[in-house]
Each structure stands twice: as C-alpha cells, then as structure tokens.
Amino acid sequence: MTVNQALRLIAGSFVLASILLAHFHHEYWLFFTGFVALNLIQSAFTCWCPMMTILRKAGLRDA
C-alpha cells in the first residue's frame, strides 16, 4: 500500500466514523468531519499533510 492509498483510507474512515458518532452519540462529532475536510483542502494546495509524514515514517512508500 502506498502513502496516497493509505491516506485516502484513513481520511474516509475518519469521516465515516465521525458521521456515525454524530448520529449515535452527539452532533458535535461533525466538527471532526469538518477538521478532516479542511485538512484535505489545505493539503490540495500545499501538497503536505501531517498524516503523510506519519505514514512515511511508518515505512509506506510513495506512489
């Protein structure tokens, strides 16, 4: 698995988890969804994401 594939998997999982938590627990979990969205938007412009740094240090390779 490459860094980009893992990043998409993690971001999608975080969004899905926060939506489920908002539905079953409290709607404030949607702020976490917004945080993930803002991080994805800034990474589109800067080509840098903190999770990509973590994944590279974990040994995943770039595409």
PDB file of N, CA and C in Angstrom:
ATOM      1  N   MET A   1       0.840  -1.170   0.000  1.00  0.00           N
ATOM      2  CA  MET A   1       0.000   0.000   0.000  1.00  0.00           C
ATOM      3  C   MET A   1       0.890   1.240   0.000  1.00  0.00           C
ATOM      4  N   THR A   2       0.521   2.207  -0.794  1.00  0.00           N
ATOM      5  CA  THR A   2       1.293   3.447  -0.882  1.00  0.00           C
ATOM      6  C   THR A   2       0.753   4.479   0.108  1.00  0.00           C
ATOM      7  N   VAL A   3       1.491   5.564   0.245  1.00  0.00           N
ATOM      8  CA  VAL A   3       1.087   6.639   1.144  1.00  0.00           C
ATOM      9  C   VAL A   3      -0.255   7.225   0.713  1.00  0.00           C
ATOM     10  N   ASN A   4      -0.441   7.458  -0.580  1.00  0.00           N
ATOM     11  CA  ASN A   4      -1.693   8.042  -1.068  1.00  0.00           C
ATOM     12  C   ASN A   4      -2.887   7.124  -0.816  1.00  0.00           C
ATOM     13  N   GLN A   5      -2.704   5.834  -1.036  1.00  0.00           N
ATOM     14  CA  GLN A   5      -3.796   4.892  -0.787  1.00  0.00           C
ATOM     15  C   GLN A   5      -4.149   4.851   0.701  1.00  0.00           C
ATOM     16  N   ALA A   6      -3.135   4.809   1.550  1.00  0.00           N
ATOM     17  CA  ALA A   6      -3.373   4.774   2.992  1.00  0.00           C
ATOM     18  C   ALA A   6      -4.028   6.071   3.463  1.00  0.00           C
ATOM     19  N   LEU A   7      -3.609   7.195   2.912  1.00  0.00           N
ATOM     20  CA  LEU A   7      -4.186   8.482   3.292  1.00  0.00           C
ATOM     21  C   LEU A   7      -5.672   8.521   2.950  1.00  0.00           C
ATOM     22  N   ARG A   8      -6.039   8.065   1.773  1.00  0.00           N
ATOM     23  CA  ARG A   8      -7.457   8.026   1.381  1.00  0.00           C
ATOM     24  C   ARG A   8      -8.255   7.096   2.289  1.00  0.00           C
ATOM     25  N   LEU A   9      -7.662   5.956   2.627  1.00  0.00           N
ATOM     26  CA  LEU A   9      -8.329   5.002   3.514  1.00  0.00           C
ATOM     27  C   LEU A   9      -8.554   5.614   4.895  1.00  0.00           C
ATOM     28  N   ILE A  10      -7.545   6.260   5.432  1.00  0.00           N
ATOM     29  CA  ILE A  10      -7.655   6.861   6.765  1.00  0.00           C
ATOM     30  C   ILE A  10      -8.653   8.018   6.758  1.00  0.00           C
ATOM     31  N   ALA A  11      -8.573   8.894   5.774  1.00  0.00           N
ATOM     32  CA  ALA A  11      -9.495  10.036   5.712  1.00  0.00           C
ATOM     33  C   ALA A  11     -10.937   9.559   5.571  1.00  0.00           C
ATOM     34  N   GLY A  12     -11.178   8.606   4.713  1.00  0.00           N
ATOM     35  CA  GLY A  12     -12.527   8.063   4.547  1.00  0.00           C
ATOM     36  C   GLY A  12     -13.034   7.399   5.812  1.00  0.00           C
ATOM     37  N   SER A  13     -12.155   6.678   6.496  1.00  0.00           N
ATOM     38  CA  SER A  13     -12.536   6.023   7.748  1.00  0.00           C
ATOM     39  C   SER A  13     -12.859   7.051   8.827  1.00  0.00           C
ATOM     40  N   PHE A  14     -12.066   8.118   8.909  1.00  0.00           N
ATOM     41  CA  PHE A  14     -12.333   9.163   9.896  1.00  0.00           C
ATOM     42  C   PHE A  14     -13.665   9.851   9.630  1.00  0.00           C
ATOM     43  N   VAL A  15     -13.956  10.143   8.373  1.00  0.00           N
ATOM     44  CA  VAL A  15     -15.219  10.791   8.028  1.00  0.00           C
ATOM     45  C   VAL A  15     -16.393   9.872   8.365  1.00  0.00           C
ATOM     46  N   LEU A  16     -16.293   8.613   7.974  1.00  0.00           N
ATOM     47  CA  LEU A  16     -17.370   7.667   8.260  1.00  0.00           C
ATOM     48  C   LEU A  16     -17.568   7.491   9.765  1.00  0.00           C
ATOM     49  N   ALA A  17     -16.478   7.368  10.504  1.00  0.00           N
ATOM     50  CA  ALA A  17     -16.567   7.204  11.956  1.00  0.00           C
ATOM     51  C   ALA A  17     -17.207   8.426  12.610  1.00  0.00           C
ATOM     52  N   SER A  18     -16.823   9.618  12.179  1.00  0.00           N
ATOM     53  CA  SER A  18     -17.385  10.819  12.800  1.00  0.00           C
ATOM     54  C   SER A  18     -18.863  10.990  12.461  1.00  0.00           C
ATOM     55  N   ILE A  19     -19.265  10.595  11.265  1.00  0.00           N
ATOM     56  CA  ILE A  19     -20.691  10.656  10.918  1.00  0.00           C
ATOM     57  C   ILE A  19     -21.483   9.677  11.770  1.00  0.00           C
ATOM     58  N   LEU A  20     -20.958   8.477  11.952  1.00  0.00           N
ATOM     59  CA  LEU A  20     -21.643   7.507  12.807  1.00  0.00           C
ATOM     60  C   LEU A  20     -21.703   7.977  14.255  1.00  0.00           C
ATOM     61  N   LEU A  21     -20.606   8.557  14.747  1.00  0.00           N
ATOM     62  CA  LEU A  21     -20.612   9.087  16.105  1.00  0.00           C
ATOM     63  C   LEU A  21     -21.592  10.245  16.256  1.00  0.00           C
ATOM     64  N   ALA A  22     -21.692  11.085  15.234  1.00  0.00           N
ATOM     65  CA  ALA A  22     -22.645  12.196  15.277  1.00  0.00           C
ATOM     66  C   ALA A  22     -24.080  11.674  15.294  1.00  0.00           C
ATOM     67  N   HIS A  23     -24.326  10.621  14.567  1.00  0.00           N
ATOM     68  CA  HIS A  23     -25.674  10.068  14.508  1.00  0.00           C
ATOM     69  C   HIS A  23     -26.059   9.362  15.808  1.00  0.00           C
ATOM     70  N   PHE A  24     -25.150   8.582  16.355  1.00  0.00           N
ATOM     71  CA  PHE A  24     -25.475   7.761  17.517  1.00  0.00           C
ATOM     72  C   PHE A  24     -25.088   8.395  18.861  1.00  0.00           C
ATOM     73  N   HIS A  25     -24.203   9.372  18.867  1.00  0.00           N
ATOM     74  CA  HIS A  25     -23.745   9.917  20.136  1.00  0.00           C
ATOM     75  C   HIS A  25     -24.127  11.397  20.270  1.00  0.00           C
ATOM     76  N   HIS A  26     -23.438  12.269  19.540  1.00  0.00           N
ATOM     77  CA  HIS A  26     -23.684  13.710  19.647  1.00  0.00           C
ATOM     78  C   HIS A  26     -23.258  14.394  18.357  1.00  0.00           C
ATOM     79  N   GLU A  27     -24.038  15.387  17.947  1.00  0.00           N
ATOM     80  CA  GLU A  27     -23.777  16.040  16.661  1.00  0.00           C
ATOM     81  C   GLU A  27     -22.488  16.847  16.638  1.00  0.00           C
ATOM     82  N   TYR A  28     -21.892  17.103  17.786  1.00  0.00           N
ATOM     83  CA  TYR A  28     -20.623  17.828  17.800  1.00  0.00           C
ATOM     84  C   TYR A  28     -19.496  17.041  17.127  1.00  0.00           C
ATOM     85  N   TRP A  29     -19.686  15.757  16.926  1.00  0.00           N
ATOM     86  CA  TRP A  29     -18.679  14.973  16.211  1.00  0.00           C
ATOM     87  C   TRP A  29     -18.543  15.424  14.755  1.00  0.00           C
ATOM     88  N   LEU A  30     -19.507  16.169  14.242  1.00  0.00           N
ATOM     89  CA  LEU A  30     -19.400  16.682  12.877  1.00  0.00           C
ATOM     90  C   LEU A  30     -18.297  17.729  12.747  1.00  0.00           C
ATOM     91  N   PHE A  31     -17.887  18.332  13.854  1.00  0.00           N
ATOM     92  CA  PHE A  31     -16.732  19.228  13.802  1.00  0.00           C
ATOM     93  C   PHE A  31     -15.469  18.467  13.406  1.00  0.00           C
ATOM     94  N   PHE A  32     -15.382  17.214  13.817  1.00  0.00           N
ATOM     95  CA  PHE A  32     -14.240  16.388  13.416  1.00  0.00           C
ATOM     96  C   PHE A  32     -14.269  16.140  11.908  1.00  0.00           C
ATOM     97  N   THR A  33     -15.462  15.922  11.363  1.00  0.00           N
ATOM     98  CA  THR A  33     -15.598  15.779   9.912  1.00  0.00           C
ATOM     99  C   THR A  33     -15.112  17.046   9.211  1.00  0.00           C
ATOM    100  N   GLY A  34     -15.481  18.205   9.755  1.00  0.00           N
ATOM    101  CA  GLY A  34     -15.029  19.472   9.189  1.00  0.00           C
ATOM    102  C   GLY A  34     -13.526  19.634   9.265  1.00  0.00           C
ATOM    103  N   PHE A  35     -12.927  19.183  10.364  1.00  0.00           N
ATOM    104  CA  PHE A  35     -11.471  19.249  10.507  1.00  0.00           C
ATOM    105  C   PHE A  35     -10.783  18.401   9.438  1.00  0.00           C
ATOM    106  N   VAL A  36     -11.292  17.199   9.196  1.00  0.00           N
ATOM    107  CA  VAL A  36     -10.722  16.332   8.165  1.00  0.00           C
ATOM    108  C   VAL A  36     -10.855  16.997   6.794  1.00  0.00           C
ATOM    109  N   ALA A  37     -12.012  17.586   6.530  1.00  0.00           N
ATOM    110  CA  ALA A  37     -12.232  18.257   5.246  1.00  0.00           C
ATOM    111  C   ALA A  37     -11.277  19.431   5.060  1.00  0.00           C
ATOM    112  N   LEU A  38     -11.110  20.250   6.100  1.00  0.00           N
ATOM    113  CA  LEU A  38     -10.186  21.386   5.989  1.00  0.00           C
ATOM    114  C   LEU A  38      -8.747  20.926   5.778  1.00  0.00           C
ATOM    115  N   ASN A  39      -8.369  19.850   6.425  1.00  0.00           N
ATOM    116  CA  ASN A  39      -7.019  19.321   6.250  1.00  0.00           C
ATOM    117  C   ASN A  39      -6.820  18.811   4.824  1.00  0.00           C
ATOM    118  N   LEU A  40      -7.821  18.160   4.257  1.00  0.00           N
ATOM    119  CA  LEU A  40      -7.721  17.694   2.869  1.00  0.00           C
ATOM    120  C   LEU A  40      -7.649  18.866   1.892  1.00  0.00           C
ATOM    121  N   ILE A  41      -8.400  19.921   2.165  1.00  0.00           N
ATOM    122  CA  ILE A  41      -8.376  21.100   1.293  1.00  0.00           C
ATOM    123  C   ILE A  41      -7.005  21.778   1.341  1.00  0.00           C
ATOM    124  N   GLN A  42      -6.464  21.968   2.549  1.00  0.00           N
ATOM    125  CA  GLN A  42      -5.152  22.622   2.626  1.00  0.00           C
ATOM    126  C   GLN A  42      -4.075  21.753   2.005  1.00  0.00           C
ATOM    127  N   SER A  43      -4.187  20.436   2.105  1.00  0.00           N
ATOM    128  CA  SER A  43      -3.168  19.575   1.508  1.00  0.00           C
ATOM    129  C   SER A  43      -3.239  19.599  -0.019  1.00  0.00           C
ATOM    130  N   ALA A  44      -4.403  19.916  -0.568  1.00  0.00           N
ATOM    131  CA  ALA A  44      -4.518  20.036  -2.022  1.00  0.00           C
ATOM    132  C   ALA A  44      -3.706  21.230  -2.536  1.00  0.00           C
ATOM    133  N   PHE A  45      -3.611  22.276  -1.729  1.00  0.00           N
ATOM    134  CA  PHE A  45      -2.873  23.472  -2.132  1.00  0.00           C
ATOM    135  C   PHE A  45      -1.400  23.418  -1.753  1.00  0.00           C
ATOM    136  N   THR A  46      -1.085  22.783  -0.623  1.00  0.00           N
ATOM    137  CA  THR A  46       0.290  22.790  -0.136  1.00  0.00           C
ATOM    138  C   THR A  46       1.050  21.504  -0.437  1.00  0.00           C
ATOM    139  N   CYS A  47       0.341  20.457  -0.849  1.00  0.00           N
ATOM    140  CA  CYS A  47       0.927  19.129  -1.099  1.00  0.00           C
ATOM    141  C   CYS A  47       1.615  18.579   0.148  1.00  0.00           C
ATOM    142  N   TRP A  48       1.135  18.960   1.320  1.00  0.00           N
ATOM    143  CA  TRP A  48       1.667  18.456   2.577  1.00  0.00           C
ATOM    144  C   TRP A  48       0.516  18.151   3.528  1.00  0.00           C
ATOM    145  N   CYS A  49       0.604  17.002   4.157  1.00  0.00           N
ATOM    146  CA  CYS A  49      -0.395  16.589   5.128  1.00  0.00           C
ATOM    147  C   CYS A  49       0.344  15.915   6.282  1.00  0.00           C
ATOM    148  N   PRO A  50       0.004  16.228   7.517  1.00  0.00           N
ATOM    149  CA  PRO A  50       0.701  15.608   8.643  1.00  0.00           C
ATOM    150  C   PRO A  50       0.618  14.081   8.623  1.00  0.00           C
ATOM    151  N   MET A  51      -0.498  13.537   8.189  1.00  0.00           N
ATOM    152  CA  MET A  51      -0.642  12.079   8.157  1.00  0.00           C
ATOM    153  C   MET A  51       0.314  11.456   7.141  1.00  0.00           C
ATOM    154  N   MET A  52       0.604  12.150   6.060  1.00  0.00           N
ATOM    155  CA  MET A  52       1.556  11.621   5.077  1.00  0.00           C
ATOM    156  C   MET A  52       2.949  11.486   5.685  1.00  0.00           C
ATOM    157  N   THR A  53       3.333  12.443   6.519  1.00  0.00           N
ATOM    158  CA  THR A  53       4.621  12.371   7.206  1.00  0.00           C
ATOM    159  C   THR A  53       4.649  11.167   8.133  1.00  0.00           C
ATOM    160  N   ILE A  54       3.573  10.947   8.857  1.00  0.00           N
ATOM    161  CA  ILE A  54       3.481   9.799   9.773  1.00  0.00           C
ATOM    162  C   ILE A  54       3.543   8.490   9.002  1.00  0.00           C
ATOM    163  N   LEU A  55       2.835   8.420   7.889  1.00  0.00           N
ATOM    164  CA  LEU A  55       2.821   7.187   7.091  1.00  0.00           C
ATOM    165  C   LEU A  55       4.188   6.889   6.477  1.00  0.00           C
ATOM    166  N   ARG A  56       4.892   7.922   6.051  1.00  0.00           N
ATOM    167  CA  ARG A  56       6.244   7.716   5.510  1.00  0.00           C
ATOM    168  C   ARG A  56       7.190   7.203   6.593  1.00  0.00           C
ATOM    169  N   LYS A  57       7.083   7.767   7.810  1.00  0.00           N
ATOM    170  CA  LYS A  57       7.927   7.292   8.909  1.00  0.00           C
ATOM    171  C   LYS A  57       7.559   5.874   9.314  1.00  0.00           C
ATOM    172  N   ALA A  58       6.304   5.480   9.044  1.00  0.00           N
ATOM    173  CA  ALA A  58       5.873   4.103   9.353  1.00  0.00           C
ATOM    174  C   ALA A  58       6.371   3.112   8.303  1.00  0.00           C
ATOM    175  N   GLY A  59       6.957   3.624   7.220  1.00  0.00           N
ATOM    176  CA  GLY A  59       7.567   2.732   6.235  1.00  0.00           C
ATOM    177  C   GLY A  59       6.796   2.563   4.939  1.00  0.00           C
ATOM    178  N   LEU A  60       5.697   3.289   4.744  1.00  0.00           N
ATOM    179  CA  LEU A  60       4.978   3.179   3.486  1.00  0.00           C
ATOM    180  C   LEU A  60       5.735   3.944   2.413  1.00  0.00           C
ATOM    181  N   ARG A  61       5.616   3.476   1.191  1.00  0.00           N
ATOM    182  CA  ARG A  61       6.349   4.089   0.090  1.00  0.00           C
ATOM    183  C   ARG A  61       5.455   5.082  -0.659  1.00  0.00           C
ATOM    184  N   ASP A  62       6.098   6.046  -1.312  1.00  0.00           N
ATOM    185  CA  ASP A  62       5.360   6.999  -2.150  1.00  0.00           C
ATOM    186  C   ASP A  62       4.963   6.318  -3.447  1.00  0.00           C
ATOM    187  N   ALA A  63       3.949   6.891  -4.088  1.00  0.00           N
ATOM    188  CA  ALA A  63       3.476   6.309  -5.352  1.00  0.00           C
ATOM    189  C   ALA A  63       4.480   6.500  -6.459  1.00  0.00           C
TER     190      ALA A  63
END
